[in-house]
Protein backbone atom coordinates (compact mmCIF):
# COMPACT_ATOMS: atom_id res chain seq x y z
CA MET A 1 89.28 101.96 62.99
CA ILE A 2 93.04 101.75 62.47
CA ASP A 3 95.32 101.26 59.48
CA LEU A 4 98.80 99.88 60.16
CA HIS A 5 100.19 99.61 56.62
CA THR A 6 100.61 102.74 54.50
CA HIS A 7 103.18 104.25 52.13
CA SER A 8 104.10 107.87 51.50
CA THR A 9 106.23 109.80 49.03
CA CYS A 10 109.24 108.64 51.05
CA SER A 11 108.89 105.30 49.27
CA ASP A 12 106.37 104.58 46.52
CA GLY A 13 103.23 106.39 47.65
CA SER A 14 101.84 109.64 46.24
CA PHE A 15 100.81 111.32 49.53
CA THR A 16 103.34 113.04 51.79
CA PRO A 17 103.54 111.72 55.38
CA ASP A 18 101.63 114.71 56.77
CA GLU A 19 98.95 114.30 54.07
CA ILE A 20 98.47 110.68 55.13
CA VAL A 21 97.99 111.75 58.75
CA ALA A 22 95.55 114.47 57.71
CA LEU A 23 93.57 111.97 55.61
CA ALA A 24 93.58 109.50 58.50
CA ARG A 25 91.95 112.12 60.72
CA VAL A 26 89.34 112.96 58.08
CA THR A 27 88.67 109.24 57.56
CA GLY A 28 88.10 108.84 61.30
CA LEU A 29 91.02 106.54 62.06
CA SER A 30 92.20 106.41 65.67
CA ALA A 31 95.66 105.24 64.60
CA VAL A 32 97.69 105.09 61.39
CA ALA A 33 101.14 103.60 60.82
CA LEU A 34 103.60 104.88 58.26
CA THR A 35 105.41 101.81 56.88
CA ASP A 36 107.44 103.03 53.93
CA HIS A 37 109.57 100.53 52.04
CA ASP A 38 113.04 100.35 53.59
CA SER A 39 112.75 103.95 54.79
CA VAL A 40 111.95 105.88 57.96
CA ASP A 41 112.53 109.28 56.36
CA GLY A 42 108.88 110.33 56.67
CA ILE A 43 108.27 109.40 60.28
CA ASP A 44 109.33 112.73 61.83
CA ALA A 45 107.03 114.64 59.47
CA ALA A 46 104.13 112.33 60.36
CA LEU A 47 104.78 112.57 64.10
CA ASN A 48 105.02 116.35 63.89
CA VAL A 49 101.38 116.62 62.76
CA ALA A 50 100.02 113.88 65.02
CA SER A 51 97.18 114.71 67.36
CA GLY A 52 95.32 113.04 70.19
CA LYS A 53 92.52 112.09 67.81
CA CYS A 54 94.79 109.94 65.64
CA GLU A 55 97.90 108.20 66.91
CA VAL A 56 100.81 107.97 64.47
CA VAL A 57 102.70 104.68 64.72
CA PRO A 58 106.31 104.80 63.47
CA GLY A 59 106.88 101.84 61.18
CA VAL A 60 108.73 100.38 58.23
CA GLU A 61 108.40 97.62 55.64
CA LEU A 62 111.59 95.68 54.95
CA SER A 63 112.21 93.48 51.91
CA ALA A 64 113.55 89.97 52.43
CA GLU A 65 113.74 86.78 50.39
CA TYR A 66 112.35 83.31 51.14
CA MET A 67 112.87 80.35 48.81
CA GLY A 68 113.48 82.66 45.88
CA LYS A 69 110.40 84.79 46.58
CA ALA A 70 110.15 88.34 47.87
CA LEU A 71 108.93 88.37 51.47
CA HIS A 72 108.10 91.53 53.37
CA ILE A 73 108.40 92.16 57.08
CA THR A 74 106.72 95.19 58.62
CA GLY A 75 107.86 96.74 61.88
CA LEU A 76 105.71 98.88 64.17
CA TYR A 77 106.69 101.17 67.04
CA ILE A 78 110.30 101.18 65.90
CA ASN A 79 112.84 103.64 67.19
CA HIS A 80 113.45 105.34 63.87
CA LYS A 81 116.47 107.13 65.32
CA ASP A 82 118.28 103.88 66.13
CA GLU A 83 121.80 104.09 64.63
CA GLY A 84 122.12 100.41 63.83
CA PHE A 85 118.75 100.34 62.12
CA ASN A 86 119.54 103.40 60.04
CA ALA A 87 122.88 101.90 59.04
CA LEU A 88 120.97 98.91 57.68
CA LEU A 89 118.63 101.18 55.74
CA GLU A 90 121.62 102.98 54.21
CA LYS A 91 122.83 99.63 52.86
CA VAL A 92 119.37 99.02 51.40
CA LYS A 93 119.36 102.47 49.80
CA GLN A 94 122.72 101.83 48.16
CA LYS A 95 121.51 98.50 46.80
CA ARG A 96 118.42 100.22 45.38
CA ASN A 97 120.55 102.93 43.77
CA ASP A 98 122.87 100.35 42.20
CA ARG A 99 119.88 98.48 40.85
CA ASN A 100 118.36 101.66 39.42
CA VAL A 101 121.53 102.38 37.46
CA ARG A 102 121.45 98.90 35.94
CA ILE A 103 117.77 99.24 35.01
CA LEU A 104 118.43 102.61 33.38
CA GLN A 105 121.23 101.05 31.36
CA LYS A 106 118.86 98.36 30.10
CA LEU A 107 116.18 100.92 29.24
CA GLU A 108 118.70 102.94 27.24
CA GLU A 109 119.75 99.81 25.36
CA LEU A 110 116.07 99.30 24.53
CA GLY A 111 115.87 102.81 23.07
CA MET A 112 114.03 104.36 26.03
CA PRO A 113 116.56 106.57 27.81
CA VAL A 114 115.72 107.81 31.29
CA SER A 115 118.23 109.84 33.30
CA LEU A 116 119.02 109.55 36.99
CA ASP A 117 117.96 113.17 37.38
CA GLU A 118 114.53 112.30 35.97
CA LEU A 119 114.22 109.40 38.38
CA HIS A 120 115.25 111.53 41.37
CA HIS A 121 112.78 114.24 40.36
CA GLU A 122 109.95 111.71 40.07
CA ALA A 123 110.81 110.12 43.42
CA GLY A 124 110.91 113.45 45.25
CA ASN A 125 111.94 112.79 48.85
CA GLY A 126 111.88 109.04 48.39
CA VAL A 127 114.32 106.48 47.01
CA GLY A 128 113.57 105.96 43.34
CA GLY A 129 112.13 102.61 42.37
CA ARG A 130 110.20 100.76 39.70
CA VAL A 131 106.94 102.60 40.39
CA HIS A 132 108.66 105.91 39.72
CA LEU A 133 110.30 104.50 36.59
CA ALA A 134 106.92 103.26 35.37
CA ASN A 135 105.47 106.75 35.82
CA ILE A 136 108.33 108.22 33.78
CA LEU A 137 107.88 105.68 30.98
CA VAL A 138 104.22 106.72 30.73
CA LYS A 139 105.02 110.44 30.81
CA LYS A 140 107.62 110.07 28.06
CA GLY A 141 105.21 108.10 25.88
CA TYR A 142 107.24 104.89 25.91
CA VAL A 143 104.22 102.95 27.21
CA LYS A 144 100.52 103.68 27.53
CA SER A 145 100.10 102.75 31.19
CA ARG A 146 101.94 101.81 34.38
CA ASP A 147 100.57 98.29 34.07
CA ALA A 148 102.11 98.02 30.61
CA ALA A 149 105.43 99.35 31.93
CA PHE A 150 105.56 96.55 34.49
CA GLU A 151 104.25 93.86 32.17
CA ILE A 152 106.75 94.57 29.39
CA TYR A 153 109.78 96.12 31.07
CA LEU A 154 109.82 96.34 34.86
CA GLY A 155 107.96 93.28 36.14
CA GLY A 156 109.40 89.93 37.16
CA LYS A 157 110.17 88.87 33.58
CA GLY A 158 110.39 92.35 32.12
CA LEU A 159 112.98 93.25 29.50
CA ALA A 160 114.63 95.81 31.82
CA MET A 161 114.12 93.97 35.09
CA VAL A 162 117.08 93.64 37.43
CA ASP A 163 116.80 91.58 40.61
CA ARG A 164 118.18 93.18 43.73
CA GLN A 165 119.87 91.65 46.70
CA ARG A 166 117.58 91.31 49.70
CA PHE A 167 118.24 90.60 53.33
CA THR A 168 117.20 87.36 54.98
CA PRO A 169 113.97 87.30 57.03
CA LYS A 170 116.10 86.71 60.13
CA GLU A 171 118.12 89.88 59.45
CA CYS A 172 114.95 91.94 58.99
CA ILE A 173 113.26 90.63 62.15
CA SER A 174 116.42 91.10 64.20
CA ALA A 175 116.87 94.66 62.92
CA ILE A 176 113.29 95.58 63.84
CA SER A 177 113.61 93.95 67.29
CA ASN A 178 116.92 95.70 67.94
CA ALA A 179 115.23 99.00 67.12
CA GLY A 180 112.54 98.28 69.70
CA GLY A 181 109.88 97.38 67.13
CA VAL A 182 107.23 94.69 66.76
CA SER A 183 107.69 92.61 63.59
CA PHE A 184 104.95 91.21 61.32
CA LEU A 185 104.83 88.91 58.34
CA ALA A 186 103.31 91.27 55.77
CA HIS A 187 100.40 90.28 53.49
CA PRO A 188 101.14 86.52 53.73
CA ALA A 189 98.58 85.52 51.09
CA THR A 190 100.66 87.20 48.39
CA LEU A 191 103.26 84.46 48.89
CA LYS A 192 100.75 81.96 47.48
CA LEU A 193 101.82 79.22 49.88
CA LYS A 194 99.76 76.17 50.81
CA ASN A 195 98.50 76.08 54.39
CA ASN A 196 101.21 73.68 55.61
CA GLU A 197 103.88 75.69 53.77
CA LEU A 198 102.69 78.90 55.37
CA LYS A 199 102.77 77.30 58.80
CA THR A 200 106.32 76.07 58.17
CA LEU A 201 107.33 79.62 57.23
CA VAL A 202 105.61 81.14 60.27
CA ALA A 203 107.29 78.63 62.58
CA GLU A 204 110.67 79.54 61.12
CA LEU A 205 110.03 83.28 61.42
CA LYS A 206 108.76 82.81 64.97
CA SER A 207 112.09 81.19 65.85
CA TYR A 208 113.79 84.39 64.68
CA GLY A 209 111.59 86.54 66.91
CA LEU A 210 108.56 87.34 64.71
CA SER A 211 105.81 88.94 66.79
CA GLY A 212 102.79 89.00 64.48
CA ILE A 213 101.01 88.33 61.20
CA GLU A 214 99.12 90.76 59.01
CA THR A 215 95.78 88.96 59.17
CA PHE A 216 93.98 91.98 57.70
CA TYR A 217 94.76 93.36 54.25
CA SER A 218 93.02 94.93 51.26
CA GLY A 219 91.13 92.26 49.36
CA TYR A 220 91.18 89.65 52.13
CA GLU A 221 87.84 87.86 52.48
CA HIS A 222 86.44 86.79 55.85
CA THR A 223 87.47 83.16 55.33
CA LEU A 224 91.10 84.14 54.71
CA ILE A 225 91.14 86.50 57.69
CA ALA A 226 89.76 83.68 59.85
CA LYS A 227 92.42 81.23 58.58
CA LEU A 228 95.27 83.66 59.21
CA SER A 229 93.83 84.51 62.63
CA ARG A 230 93.86 80.80 63.54
CA ILE A 231 97.51 80.55 62.50
CA ALA A 232 98.34 83.64 64.55
CA LYS A 233 96.65 82.10 67.59
CA GLU A 234 98.38 78.74 67.04
CA PHE A 235 101.82 80.39 67.09
CA ASP A 236 100.95 82.94 69.78
CA LEU A 237 101.39 85.90 67.45
CA VAL A 238 99.55 89.23 67.50
CA ARG A 239 97.35 90.26 64.59
CA GLY A 240 97.91 93.34 62.47
CA GLY A 241 97.68 94.60 58.92
CA GLY A 242 96.21 97.44 56.94
CA SER A 243 95.25 98.76 53.56
CA ASP A 244 98.72 99.05 51.96
CA PHE A 245 97.66 102.54 50.92
CA HIS A 246 99.77 104.13 48.16
CA GLY A 247 97.53 107.04 47.18
CA LYS A 248 97.29 107.69 43.44
CA ASN A 249 99.83 104.95 42.73
CA ARG A 250 97.17 102.41 43.74
CA PRO A 251 94.00 104.46 43.34
CA ALA A 252 91.57 101.61 44.01
CA ILE A 253 92.83 101.25 47.59
CA SER A 254 91.46 103.70 50.16
CA LEU A 255 93.06 104.52 53.49
CA GLY A 256 91.45 102.48 56.25
CA THR A 257 89.01 100.55 54.09
CA GLY A 258 91.18 99.18 51.28
CA TYR A 259 88.91 98.10 48.44
CA GLY A 260 85.94 99.05 50.59
CA THR A 261 85.58 96.04 52.90
CA LEU A 262 88.65 96.30 55.13
CA TYR A 263 87.89 96.98 58.78
CA MET A 264 90.46 96.87 61.59
CA ASP A 265 89.05 97.59 65.02
CA ASP A 266 91.27 99.70 67.24
CA SER A 267 91.20 96.96 69.89
CA LEU A 268 93.86 95.24 67.75
CA LEU A 269 96.35 97.96 68.67
CA LYS A 270 96.53 97.26 72.43
CA PRO A 271 98.39 93.90 72.29
CA ILE A 272 100.82 95.39 69.76
CA LYS A 273 101.52 98.35 72.04
CA ASN A 274 101.97 96.01 75.00
CA LEU A 275 104.62 94.08 73.06
CA ALA A 276 106.34 97.31 72.05
CA ARG A 277 106.58 98.37 75.70
CA LEU A 278 108.51 95.18 76.45
CA ARG A 279 111.17 95.95 73.81
């Protein structure tokens, strides 16, 4: 088994990169990819504890926008030392920091002050985000649960929500390709597009250089996997995906198996590696 979509403490997960690799070995995975949101900060730590029994795939998950919706592009086998790629991530980090300040201002106006120091402490090695803010709101007794924090304050229509500028899908795919990586449309079902709409999107992304689709994901039933696999074949794209493991921040999702039914055979990795060698 393999899992090509995971998050560590370097974005919004609760496990450190080396803990994810250790868990992958215990779980029996032959490969695991670290795909933190807009960050490659944990890749060196993950690679440093890699072993022959479990390959560590350097990856990333970039945030884009499509027709007013958030769209995510994952990249696998990226050169995480690439200067141009890291310059892009620095721009993303600054945008996140600017957004955090504006959210904190709104929370203070609502009578729920949270300091930047508190956010940085909660985020640890990662860039602070809404998940970390939700944890703080629970700890300070402002809300009873993380779900409530998102529903009332931090979600799409939340009282403290601030939209952030995202890159275009073309910019994300180009950045991943320029860093030697293989790009995937992440968890496409979350976009809630009709079949013809999804195909239109895939065709557009393919024209930008998209290499694959995440046909496997936590919660995907066999019929959905089959549909996405047909689309991948139609557009000559490789298949990928994974659990979207976040540790304690999404406790129902297990590494490798998602909600319990996810299974990605390691034969899926070969065509991805072949593409990466051509970069």
